[in-house]
Amino acid sequence: MQHPEPNDNEIKLSTKRYIVSKTDPKGIIEYGNDYFVEISGYTEKELIGQPHSIIRHPDMPKIVFKMMWDRIKRNENIMAVVKNLAKDGSYYWVVTEFEAKVDPISNEIISYTAFRKAAPRKAIEAIEPIYKKLVEIEETGGMEASEKYLRGFLEEKNTSYDALIDELVQNKGIFKIFFAAMKKMFG
């Protein structure tokens, strides 16, 4: 399936609704809730069986996805602020968290569920210039150079990616409660 041409139309997400999608271990979409289907602009039939990267926005640094995949493959959680691409080329910002489902017999990961909520404007404004810089670096120096820059940026701020995102999205009360509730509901 062809990636749409990005445009400047932002889809404002409801703060009261959430997006859920589930993939197999290789990132192929197996399920998307109604809000995911609605916001993405694809039909459920168009989404199922597609790689989750179908909604990857070119403004997103590859290093962020590498970091997310590295973590979730080890069954470690990661929360990230992500800009996604809808079918019509518009975009939407989310805070996403993952849960891996592990086979009780083989102990291998059999699926991933992503829970997403509207990203706070403050978090978007803070992360956008960082992502822009990382994408620029990736275009000239590749993902390795981008990873070095991100590592240096975080060291300079004396923080980690997780701590930075926690701070940006105010991951204390409401977000923690939301993601815990989602995991109970879909776990």
N, C-alpha and C. Protein backbone atom coordinates (compact mmCIF):
# COMPACT_ATOMS: atom_id res chain seq x y z
N MET A 1 0.84 -1.19 0.00
CA MET A 1 0.00 0.00 0.00
C MET A 1 0.88 1.25 0.00
N GLN A 2 0.51 2.21 -0.82
CA GLN A 2 1.27 3.45 -0.98
C GLN A 2 1.10 4.36 0.23
N HIS A 3 2.21 4.94 0.70
CA HIS A 3 2.13 5.93 1.77
C HIS A 3 1.55 7.23 1.22
N PRO A 4 0.62 7.86 1.95
CA PRO A 4 0.08 9.13 1.46
C PRO A 4 1.10 10.25 1.56
N GLU A 5 0.89 11.29 0.79
CA GLU A 5 1.74 12.48 0.84
C GLU A 5 1.32 13.30 2.06
N PRO A 6 2.24 13.56 3.01
CA PRO A 6 1.88 14.32 4.21
C PRO A 6 1.43 15.74 3.87
N ASN A 7 0.49 16.25 4.65
CA ASN A 7 0.07 17.64 4.51
C ASN A 7 0.06 18.30 5.89
N ASP A 8 -0.38 19.55 5.96
CA ASP A 8 -0.31 20.30 7.22
C ASP A 8 -1.60 20.25 8.03
N ASN A 9 -2.51 19.36 7.68
CA ASN A 9 -3.77 19.27 8.42
C ASN A 9 -3.62 18.38 9.64
N GLU A 10 -3.79 18.98 10.81
CA GLU A 10 -3.69 18.19 12.04
C GLU A 10 -5.07 17.72 12.46
N ILE A 11 -5.16 16.44 12.78
CA ILE A 11 -6.39 15.89 13.33
C ILE A 11 -6.32 16.08 14.84
N LYS A 12 -7.27 16.80 15.40
CA LYS A 12 -7.31 17.01 16.85
C LYS A 12 -8.01 15.81 17.47
N LEU A 13 -7.29 15.09 18.29
CA LEU A 13 -7.86 13.90 18.93
C LEU A 13 -8.69 14.29 20.14
N SER A 14 -9.70 13.49 20.39
CA SER A 14 -10.51 13.67 21.59
C SER A 14 -9.67 13.24 22.80
N THR A 15 -9.70 14.00 23.86
CA THR A 15 -8.95 13.61 25.07
C THR A 15 -9.72 12.54 25.84
N LYS A 16 -10.97 12.30 25.44
CA LYS A 16 -11.80 11.33 26.14
C LYS A 16 -11.83 9.96 25.46
N ARG A 17 -11.21 9.88 24.27
CA ARG A 17 -11.20 8.60 23.55
C ARG A 17 -9.77 8.10 23.42
N TYR A 18 -9.64 6.83 23.15
CA TYR A 18 -8.31 6.23 23.04
C TYR A 18 -8.23 5.36 21.80
N ILE A 19 -7.02 5.16 21.35
CA ILE A 19 -6.74 4.35 20.16
C ILE A 19 -6.03 3.09 20.63
N VAL A 20 -6.51 1.95 20.15
CA VAL A 20 -5.88 0.68 20.48
C VAL A 20 -5.63 -0.08 19.18
N SER A 21 -4.43 -0.62 19.06
CA SER A 21 -4.16 -1.52 17.94
C SER A 21 -3.31 -2.68 18.45
N LYS A 22 -3.44 -3.78 17.76
CA LYS A 22 -2.71 -4.98 18.14
C LYS A 22 -2.00 -5.51 16.91
N THR A 23 -0.74 -5.91 17.09
CA THR A 23 0.03 -6.48 15.97
C THR A 23 0.60 -7.83 16.35
N ASP A 24 1.02 -8.56 15.34
CA ASP A 24 1.76 -9.79 15.59
C ASP A 24 3.20 -9.40 15.95
N PRO A 25 4.06 -10.35 16.27
CA PRO A 25 5.44 -10.00 16.67
C PRO A 25 6.23 -9.24 15.61
N LYS A 26 5.82 -9.31 14.35
CA LYS A 26 6.54 -8.61 13.28
C LYS A 26 5.95 -7.23 12.99
N GLY A 27 4.93 -6.82 13.75
CA GLY A 27 4.35 -5.49 13.57
C GLY A 27 3.22 -5.43 12.54
N ILE A 28 2.66 -6.58 12.17
CA ILE A 28 1.54 -6.63 11.22
C ILE A 28 0.24 -6.45 12.02
N ILE A 29 -0.60 -5.52 11.58
CA ILE A 29 -1.83 -5.19 12.32
C ILE A 29 -2.83 -6.35 12.28
N GLU A 30 -3.28 -6.73 13.48
CA GLU A 30 -4.28 -7.79 13.63
C GLU A 30 -5.62 -7.22 14.11
N TYR A 31 -5.56 -6.06 14.75
CA TYR A 31 -6.77 -5.47 15.31
C TYR A 31 -6.58 -3.96 15.45
N GLY A 32 -7.65 -3.23 15.23
CA GLY A 32 -7.66 -1.80 15.52
C GLY A 32 -9.05 -1.44 16.04
N ASN A 33 -9.11 -0.70 17.15
CA ASN A 33 -10.43 -0.33 17.66
C ASN A 33 -11.06 0.70 16.72
N ASP A 34 -12.35 1.00 16.96
CA ASP A 34 -13.10 1.90 16.07
C ASP A 34 -12.44 3.27 15.93
N TYR A 35 -11.90 3.79 17.03
CA TYR A 35 -11.30 5.13 16.99
C TYR A 35 -10.02 5.12 16.14
N PHE A 36 -9.25 4.03 16.22
CA PHE A 36 -8.06 3.89 15.39
C PHE A 36 -8.45 3.92 13.90
N VAL A 37 -9.47 3.15 13.55
CA VAL A 37 -9.95 3.08 12.17
C VAL A 37 -10.41 4.48 11.74
N GLU A 38 -11.22 5.12 12.58
CA GLU A 38 -11.76 6.45 12.27
C GLU A 38 -10.65 7.48 12.05
N ILE A 39 -9.71 7.57 12.98
CA ILE A 39 -8.65 8.58 12.93
C ILE A 39 -7.67 8.30 11.80
N SER A 40 -7.33 7.03 11.58
CA SER A 40 -6.35 6.70 10.53
C SER A 40 -6.91 6.99 9.13
N GLY A 41 -8.23 6.94 8.99
CA GLY A 41 -8.84 7.18 7.68
C GLY A 41 -8.88 5.94 6.80
N TYR A 42 -8.29 4.85 7.28
CA TYR A 42 -8.33 3.59 6.54
C TYR A 42 -9.56 2.80 7.01
N THR A 43 -10.03 1.89 6.18
CA THR A 43 -11.08 0.99 6.64
C THR A 43 -10.40 -0.10 7.46
N GLU A 44 -11.18 -0.82 8.24
CA GLU A 44 -10.62 -1.91 9.03
C GLU A 44 -9.97 -2.93 8.09
N LYS A 45 -10.62 -3.19 6.97
CA LYS A 45 -10.11 -4.15 5.99
C LYS A 45 -8.76 -3.70 5.42
N GLU A 46 -8.60 -2.37 5.22
CA GLU A 46 -7.33 -1.85 4.69
C GLU A 46 -6.21 -1.95 5.73
N LEU A 47 -6.55 -1.87 7.02
CA LEU A 47 -5.54 -1.89 8.08
C LEU A 47 -5.07 -3.31 8.42
N ILE A 48 -6.02 -4.24 8.56
CA ILE A 48 -5.68 -5.60 8.98
C ILE A 48 -4.76 -6.24 7.94
N GLY A 49 -3.64 -6.79 8.44
CA GLY A 49 -2.68 -7.45 7.56
C GLY A 49 -1.59 -6.51 7.05
N GLN A 50 -1.71 -5.21 7.35
CA GLN A 50 -0.69 -4.24 6.93
C GLN A 50 0.35 -4.04 8.03
N PRO A 51 1.58 -3.68 7.67
CA PRO A 51 2.55 -3.34 8.72
C PRO A 51 2.10 -2.07 9.43
N HIS A 52 2.35 -2.00 10.73
CA HIS A 52 1.93 -0.83 11.51
C HIS A 52 2.58 0.44 10.97
N SER A 53 3.67 0.29 10.25
CA SER A 53 4.36 1.45 9.68
C SER A 53 3.51 2.16 8.62
N ILE A 54 2.36 1.62 8.29
CA ILE A 54 1.44 2.27 7.35
C ILE A 54 1.06 3.67 7.86
N ILE A 55 1.09 3.85 9.18
CA ILE A 55 0.74 5.16 9.75
C ILE A 55 1.98 5.95 10.20
N ARG A 56 3.16 5.49 9.82
CA ARG A 56 4.39 6.18 10.22
C ARG A 56 4.53 7.50 9.47
N HIS A 57 4.69 8.56 10.20
CA HIS A 57 4.87 9.88 9.59
C HIS A 57 6.35 10.10 9.29
N PRO A 58 6.68 10.67 8.12
CA PRO A 58 8.09 10.89 7.79
C PRO A 58 8.79 11.89 8.72
N ASP A 59 8.03 12.66 9.50
CA ASP A 59 8.64 13.58 10.48
C ASP A 59 9.15 12.83 11.72
N MET A 60 8.83 11.55 11.81
CA MET A 60 9.27 10.77 12.97
C MET A 60 10.66 10.21 12.73
N PRO A 61 11.57 10.44 13.69
CA PRO A 61 12.92 9.88 13.54
C PRO A 61 12.89 8.35 13.63
N LYS A 62 13.66 7.70 12.77
CA LYS A 62 13.73 6.24 12.78
C LYS A 62 14.28 5.73 14.12
N ILE A 63 15.16 6.50 14.72
CA ILE A 63 15.78 6.07 15.98
C ILE A 63 14.72 5.87 17.08
N VAL A 64 13.67 6.65 17.06
CA VAL A 64 12.61 6.50 18.08
C VAL A 64 11.92 5.14 17.91
N PHE A 65 11.63 4.77 16.64
CA PHE A 65 11.01 3.47 16.39
C PHE A 65 11.96 2.32 16.72
N LYS A 66 13.24 2.50 16.42
CA LYS A 66 14.23 1.47 16.76
C LYS A 66 14.25 1.27 18.27
N MET A 67 14.27 2.37 18.99
CA MET A 67 14.29 2.32 20.45
C MET A 67 13.03 1.60 20.98
N MET A 68 11.87 1.96 20.40
CA MET A 68 10.61 1.33 20.84
C MET A 68 10.64 -0.17 20.56
N TRP A 69 11.05 -0.55 19.33
CA TRP A 69 11.08 -1.97 18.98
C TRP A 69 12.09 -2.75 19.83
N ASP A 70 13.27 -2.17 20.03
CA ASP A 70 14.27 -2.84 20.87
C ASP A 70 13.70 -3.15 22.24
N ARG A 71 13.00 -2.19 22.81
CA ARG A 71 12.43 -2.36 24.15
C ARG A 71 11.29 -3.37 24.17
N ILE A 72 10.33 -3.19 23.27
CA ILE A 72 9.16 -4.07 23.37
C ILE A 72 9.50 -5.51 23.00
N LYS A 73 10.53 -5.72 22.17
CA LYS A 73 10.97 -7.08 21.86
C LYS A 73 11.54 -7.76 23.09
N ARG A 74 12.05 -6.95 24.03
CA ARG A 74 12.57 -7.50 25.30
C ARG A 74 11.47 -7.51 26.37
N ASN A 75 10.25 -7.22 25.93
CA ASN A 75 9.09 -7.15 26.83
C ASN A 75 9.28 -6.06 27.89
N GLU A 76 9.97 -4.99 27.51
CA GLU A 76 10.12 -3.84 28.39
C GLU A 76 9.19 -2.75 27.87
N ASN A 77 8.61 -2.02 28.77
CA ASN A 77 7.68 -0.99 28.34
C ASN A 77 8.42 0.27 27.91
N ILE A 78 7.75 1.04 27.08
CA ILE A 78 8.26 2.36 26.71
C ILE A 78 7.05 3.23 26.38
N MET A 79 7.09 4.45 26.84
CA MET A 79 6.07 5.42 26.49
C MET A 79 6.73 6.39 25.54
N ALA A 80 6.03 6.75 24.47
CA ALA A 80 6.62 7.66 23.49
C ALA A 80 5.58 8.65 22.99
N VAL A 81 6.07 9.80 22.55
CA VAL A 81 5.22 10.77 21.89
C VAL A 81 5.47 10.56 20.40
N VAL A 82 4.39 10.29 19.66
CA VAL A 82 4.53 9.89 18.26
C VAL A 82 3.58 10.70 17.36
N LYS A 83 4.13 11.10 16.21
CA LYS A 83 3.33 11.77 15.18
C LYS A 83 2.96 10.70 14.16
N ASN A 84 1.66 10.48 13.96
CA ASN A 84 1.19 9.47 13.03
C ASN A 84 0.59 10.11 11.79
N LEU A 85 0.56 9.34 10.71
CA LEU A 85 0.08 9.80 9.42
C LEU A 85 -1.23 9.10 9.07
N ALA A 86 -2.26 9.89 8.75
CA ALA A 86 -3.55 9.33 8.33
C ALA A 86 -3.55 9.08 6.82
N LYS A 87 -4.52 8.34 6.35
CA LYS A 87 -4.60 7.96 4.93
C LYS A 87 -4.64 9.18 4.01
N ASP A 88 -5.29 10.27 4.45
CA ASP A 88 -5.41 11.45 3.59
C ASP A 88 -4.20 12.39 3.69
N GLY A 89 -3.16 11.96 4.43
CA GLY A 89 -1.94 12.78 4.54
C GLY A 89 -1.94 13.70 5.75
N SER A 90 -3.06 13.80 6.47
CA SER A 90 -3.07 14.61 7.68
C SER A 90 -2.37 13.84 8.80
N TYR A 91 -2.18 14.49 9.93
CA TYR A 91 -1.41 13.86 11.00
C TYR A 91 -2.09 14.05 12.35
N TYR A 92 -1.65 13.24 13.30
CA TYR A 92 -2.15 13.36 14.67
C TYR A 92 -1.05 12.91 15.63
N TRP A 93 -1.00 13.57 16.78
CA TRP A 93 0.02 13.28 17.79
C TRP A 93 -0.58 12.45 18.92
N VAL A 94 0.14 11.42 19.32
CA VAL A 94 -0.33 10.57 20.41
C VAL A 94 0.78 10.30 21.42
N VAL A 95 0.35 9.93 22.60
CA VAL A 95 1.26 9.34 23.58
C VAL A 95 0.92 7.86 23.50
N THR A 96 1.93 7.03 23.29
CA THR A 96 1.68 5.61 23.12
C THR A 96 2.45 4.80 24.14
N GLU A 97 1.85 3.71 24.54
CA GLU A 97 2.49 2.77 25.45
C GLU A 97 2.14 1.38 24.94
N PHE A 98 2.98 0.41 25.21
CA PHE A 98 2.82 -0.93 24.65
C PHE A 98 2.69 -1.99 25.72
N GLU A 99 2.10 -3.09 25.31
CA GLU A 99 2.09 -4.26 26.16
C GLU A 99 2.33 -5.48 25.27
N ALA A 100 3.27 -6.29 25.66
CA ALA A 100 3.55 -7.51 24.91
C ALA A 100 2.76 -8.65 25.55
N LYS A 101 2.21 -9.51 24.70
CA LYS A 101 1.53 -10.71 25.21
C LYS A 101 2.48 -11.87 24.99
N VAL A 102 2.76 -12.59 26.06
CA VAL A 102 3.74 -13.67 26.02
C VAL A 102 3.03 -15.02 26.10
N ASP A 103 3.44 -15.95 25.23
CA ASP A 103 2.89 -17.30 25.25
C ASP A 103 3.31 -17.97 26.55
N PRO A 104 2.35 -18.49 27.32
CA PRO A 104 2.68 -19.08 28.62
C PRO A 104 3.52 -20.36 28.52
N ILE A 105 3.53 -20.99 27.35
CA ILE A 105 4.29 -22.23 27.20
C ILE A 105 5.69 -21.95 26.65
N SER A 106 5.76 -21.27 25.52
CA SER A 106 7.07 -21.04 24.88
C SER A 106 7.78 -19.83 25.46
N ASN A 107 7.05 -18.97 26.19
CA ASN A 107 7.59 -17.74 26.76
C ASN A 107 8.03 -16.75 25.68
N GLU A 108 7.52 -16.94 24.45
CA GLU A 108 7.83 -16.03 23.36
C GLU A 108 6.71 -15.01 23.21
N ILE A 109 7.06 -13.83 22.73
CA ILE A 109 6.06 -12.79 22.52
C ILE A 109 5.20 -13.19 21.32
N ILE A 110 3.87 -13.17 21.52
CA ILE A 110 2.97 -13.55 20.44
C ILE A 110 2.22 -12.35 19.84
N SER A 111 2.16 -11.25 20.59
CA SER A 111 1.53 -10.05 20.04
C SER A 111 1.91 -8.82 20.86
N TYR A 112 1.68 -7.66 20.25
CA TYR A 112 1.88 -6.38 20.93
C TYR A 112 0.59 -5.59 20.84
N THR A 113 0.22 -4.96 21.93
CA THR A 113 -0.92 -4.06 21.91
C THR A 113 -0.39 -2.67 22.21
N ALA A 114 -0.81 -1.71 21.39
CA ALA A 114 -0.42 -0.32 21.60
C ALA A 114 -1.65 0.45 22.06
N PHE A 115 -1.48 1.20 23.12
CA PHE A 115 -2.54 2.05 23.66
C PHE A 115 -2.12 3.49 23.41
N ARG A 116 -3.00 4.28 22.80
CA ARG A 116 -2.64 5.66 22.49
C ARG A 116 -3.71 6.63 22.95
N LYS A 117 -3.22 7.78 23.37
CA LYS A 117 -4.08 8.85 23.84
C LYS A 117 -3.56 10.16 23.23
N ALA A 118 -4.42 11.15 23.11
CA ALA A 118 -4.00 12.44 22.57
C ALA A 118 -2.81 12.97 23.36
N ALA A 119 -1.78 13.42 22.64
CA ALA A 119 -0.59 13.98 23.30
C ALA A 119 -0.90 15.41 23.74
N PRO A 120 -0.46 15.79 24.94
CA PRO A 120 -0.65 17.17 25.38
C PRO A 120 0.12 18.14 24.47
N ARG A 121 -0.46 19.28 24.18
CA ARG A 121 0.14 20.29 23.29
C ARG A 121 1.55 20.65 23.75
N LYS A 122 1.74 20.79 25.05
CA LYS A 122 3.03 21.15 25.62
C LYS A 122 4.10 20.11 25.27
N ALA A 123 3.71 18.84 25.30
CA ALA A 123 4.64 17.76 24.98
C ALA A 123 5.01 17.81 23.50
N ILE A 124 4.02 18.07 22.65
CA ILE A 124 4.26 18.15 21.20
C ILE A 124 5.23 19.30 20.90
N GLU A 125 4.97 20.45 21.50
CA GLU A 125 5.82 21.63 21.25
C GLU A 125 7.25 21.39 21.71
N ALA A 126 7.43 20.63 22.77
CA ALA A 126 8.78 20.36 23.28
C ALA A 126 9.51 19.30 22.45
N ILE A 127 8.77 18.29 21.99
CA ILE A 127 9.43 17.16 21.31
C ILE A 127 9.64 17.42 19.81
N GLU A 128 8.78 18.23 19.20
CA GLU A 128 8.85 18.46 17.75
C GLU A 128 10.22 18.94 17.27
N PRO A 129 10.83 19.97 17.91
CA PRO A 129 12.15 20.40 17.43
C PRO A 129 13.24 19.32 17.62
N ILE A 130 13.11 18.51 18.64
CA ILE A 130 14.08 17.42 18.87
C ILE A 130 13.94 16.39 17.73
N TYR A 131 12.71 16.01 17.42
CA TYR A 131 12.47 15.04 16.35
C TYR A 131 12.93 15.60 15.00
N LYS A 132 12.69 16.87 14.77
CA LYS A 132 13.09 17.52 13.51
C LYS A 132 14.60 17.42 13.34
N LYS A 133 15.33 17.70 14.41
CA LYS A 133 16.79 17.64 14.39
C LYS A 133 17.26 16.20 14.13
N LEU A 134 16.62 15.23 14.79
CA LEU A 134 16.99 13.82 14.61
C LEU A 134 16.75 13.37 13.17
N VAL A 135 15.64 13.79 12.57
CA VAL A 135 15.35 13.43 11.17
C VAL A 135 16.40 14.03 10.24
N GLU A 136 16.77 15.30 10.48
CA GLU A 136 17.81 15.96 9.67
C GLU A 136 19.12 15.18 9.76
N ILE A 137 19.49 14.77 10.96
CA ILE A 137 20.73 14.02 11.16
C ILE A 137 20.66 12.67 10.44
N GLU A 138 19.49 12.00 10.53
CA GLU A 138 19.32 10.70 9.88
C GLU A 138 19.46 10.82 8.36
N GLU A 139 18.99 11.94 7.81
CA GLU A 139 19.06 12.12 6.36
C GLU A 139 20.50 12.21 5.86
N THR A 140 21.39 12.75 6.69
CA THR A 140 22.78 12.89 6.26
C THR A 140 23.69 11.82 6.86
N GLY A 141 23.50 11.52 8.15
CA GLY A 141 24.43 10.60 8.81
C GLY A 141 23.86 9.24 9.17
N GLY A 142 22.58 9.02 8.86
CA GLY A 142 21.97 7.73 9.18
C GLY A 142 21.53 7.62 10.63
N MET A 143 20.97 6.46 10.94
CA MET A 143 20.41 6.25 12.27
C MET A 143 21.47 6.24 13.37
N GLU A 144 22.64 5.77 13.06
CA GLU A 144 23.73 5.73 14.05
C GLU A 144 24.06 7.14 14.55
N ALA A 145 24.15 8.08 13.61
CA ALA A 145 24.46 9.48 13.96
C ALA A 145 23.32 10.08 14.78
N SER A 146 22.10 9.73 14.41
CA SER A 146 20.92 10.22 15.12
C SER A 146 20.90 9.69 16.56
N GLU A 147 21.26 8.41 16.70
CA GLU A 147 21.31 7.80 18.04
C GLU A 147 22.36 8.49 18.91
N LYS A 148 23.52 8.78 18.33
CA LYS A 148 24.58 9.48 19.06
C LYS A 148 24.11 10.86 19.52
N TYR A 149 23.42 11.57 18.61
CA TYR A 149 22.91 12.90 18.95
C TYR A 149 21.90 12.80 20.09
N LEU A 150 20.97 11.86 19.98
CA LEU A 150 19.94 11.70 21.01
C LEU A 150 20.58 11.36 22.35
N ARG A 151 21.55 10.45 22.33
CA ARG A 151 22.26 10.07 23.56
C ARG A 151 22.93 11.30 24.18
N GLY A 152 23.61 12.10 23.35
CA GLY A 152 24.28 13.31 23.82
C GLY A 152 23.29 14.33 24.37
N PHE A 153 22.18 14.49 23.67
CA PHE A 153 21.13 15.42 24.09
C PHE A 153 20.60 15.02 25.48
N LEU A 154 20.32 13.74 25.66
CA LEU A 154 19.78 13.26 26.94
C LEU A 154 20.82 13.37 28.06
N GLU A 155 22.09 13.07 27.73
CA GLU A 155 23.16 13.19 28.73
C GLU A 155 23.32 14.64 29.18
N GLU A 156 23.27 15.54 28.21
CA GLU A 156 23.41 16.97 28.51
C GLU A 156 22.28 17.44 29.45
N LYS A 157 21.09 16.90 29.22
CA LYS A 157 19.94 17.26 30.06
C LYS A 157 19.91 16.42 31.34
N ASN A 158 20.87 15.51 31.46
CA ASN A 158 20.96 14.62 32.61
C ASN A 158 19.64 13.86 32.83
N THR A 159 19.14 13.28 31.73
CA THR A 159 17.88 12.57 31.81
C THR A 159 17.92 11.36 30.88
N SER A 160 16.85 10.58 30.88
CA SER A 160 16.70 9.45 29.96
C SER A 160 15.52 9.77 29.06
N TYR A 161 15.34 8.99 28.00
CA TYR A 161 14.19 9.20 27.12
C TYR A 161 12.90 9.05 27.94
N ASP A 162 12.86 8.00 28.77
CA ASP A 162 11.67 7.74 29.59
C ASP A 162 11.35 8.91 30.52
N ALA A 163 12.37 9.40 31.21
CA ALA A 163 12.17 10.51 32.14
C ALA A 163 11.73 11.77 31.39
N LEU A 164 12.32 12.00 30.22
CA LEU A 164 11.95 13.16 29.40
C LEU A 164 10.47 13.08 29.02
N ILE A 165 10.04 11.92 28.51
CA ILE A 165 8.65 11.75 28.09
C ILE A 165 7.71 11.84 29.30
N ASP A 166 8.09 11.19 30.41
CA ASP A 166 7.27 11.28 31.63
C ASP A 166 7.03 12.74 32.01
N GLU A 167 8.10 13.52 31.95
CA GLU A 167 8.00 14.93 32.31
C GLU A 167 7.12 15.69 31.31
N LEU A 168 7.33 15.44 30.02
CA LEU A 168 6.59 16.16 28.98
C LEU A 168 5.10 15.87 29.01
N VAL A 169 4.74 14.61 29.27
CA VAL A 169 3.31 14.28 29.25
C VAL A 169 2.70 14.31 30.65
N GLN A 170 3.51 14.76 31.61
CA GLN A 170 3.03 14.80 33.00
C GLN A 170 2.52 13.42 33.40
N ASN A 171 3.36 12.41 33.18
CA ASN A 171 2.97 11.02 33.44
C ASN A 171 2.96 10.73 34.94
N LYS A 172 1.99 11.32 35.58
CA LYS A 172 1.83 11.05 37.01
C LYS A 172 0.45 10.46 37.20
N GLY A 173 -0.51 11.31 37.37
CA GLY A 173 -1.85 10.84 37.66
C GLY A 173 -2.58 10.24 36.50
N ILE A 174 -3.18 11.10 35.69
CA ILE A 174 -4.15 10.69 34.69
C ILE A 174 -3.59 9.72 33.65
N PHE A 175 -2.37 9.95 33.15
CA PHE A 175 -1.82 9.06 32.13
C PHE A 175 -1.52 7.69 32.72
N LYS A 176 -0.93 7.66 33.92
CA LYS A 176 -0.62 6.39 34.57
C LYS A 176 -1.89 5.57 34.78
N ILE A 177 -2.93 6.24 35.27
CA ILE A 177 -4.22 5.59 35.52
C ILE A 177 -4.80 5.07 34.21
N PHE A 178 -4.76 5.91 33.17
CA PHE A 178 -5.30 5.53 31.87
C PHE A 178 -4.62 4.28 31.33
N PHE A 179 -3.28 4.28 31.27
CA PHE A 179 -2.58 3.14 30.68
C PHE A 179 -2.75 1.88 31.54
N ALA A 180 -2.80 2.02 32.85
CA ALA A 180 -3.03 0.87 33.72
C ALA A 180 -4.42 0.28 33.45
N ALA A 181 -5.42 1.15 33.31
CA ALA A 181 -6.79 0.70 33.03
C ALA A 181 -6.87 -0.01 31.67
N MET A 182 -6.19 0.56 30.68
CA MET A 182 -6.21 -0.06 29.33
C MET A 182 -5.62 -1.46 29.37
N LYS A 183 -4.53 -1.61 30.09
CA LYS A 183 -3.86 -2.91 30.15
C LYS A 183 -4.73 -3.94 30.86
N LYS A 184 -5.48 -3.49 31.87
CA LYS A 184 -6.40 -4.40 32.56
C LYS A 184 -7.51 -4.83 31.62
N MET A 185 -8.03 -3.86 30.87
CA MET A 185 -9.17 -4.10 29.99
C MET A 185 -8.79 -5.02 28.83
N PHE A 186 -7.60 -4.81 28.26
CA PHE A 186 -7.22 -5.56 27.07
C PHE A 186 -6.22 -6.67 27.35
N GLY A 187 -5.72 -6.74 28.58
CA GLY A 187 -4.67 -7.69 28.93
C GLY A 187 -5.11 -9.13 28.96
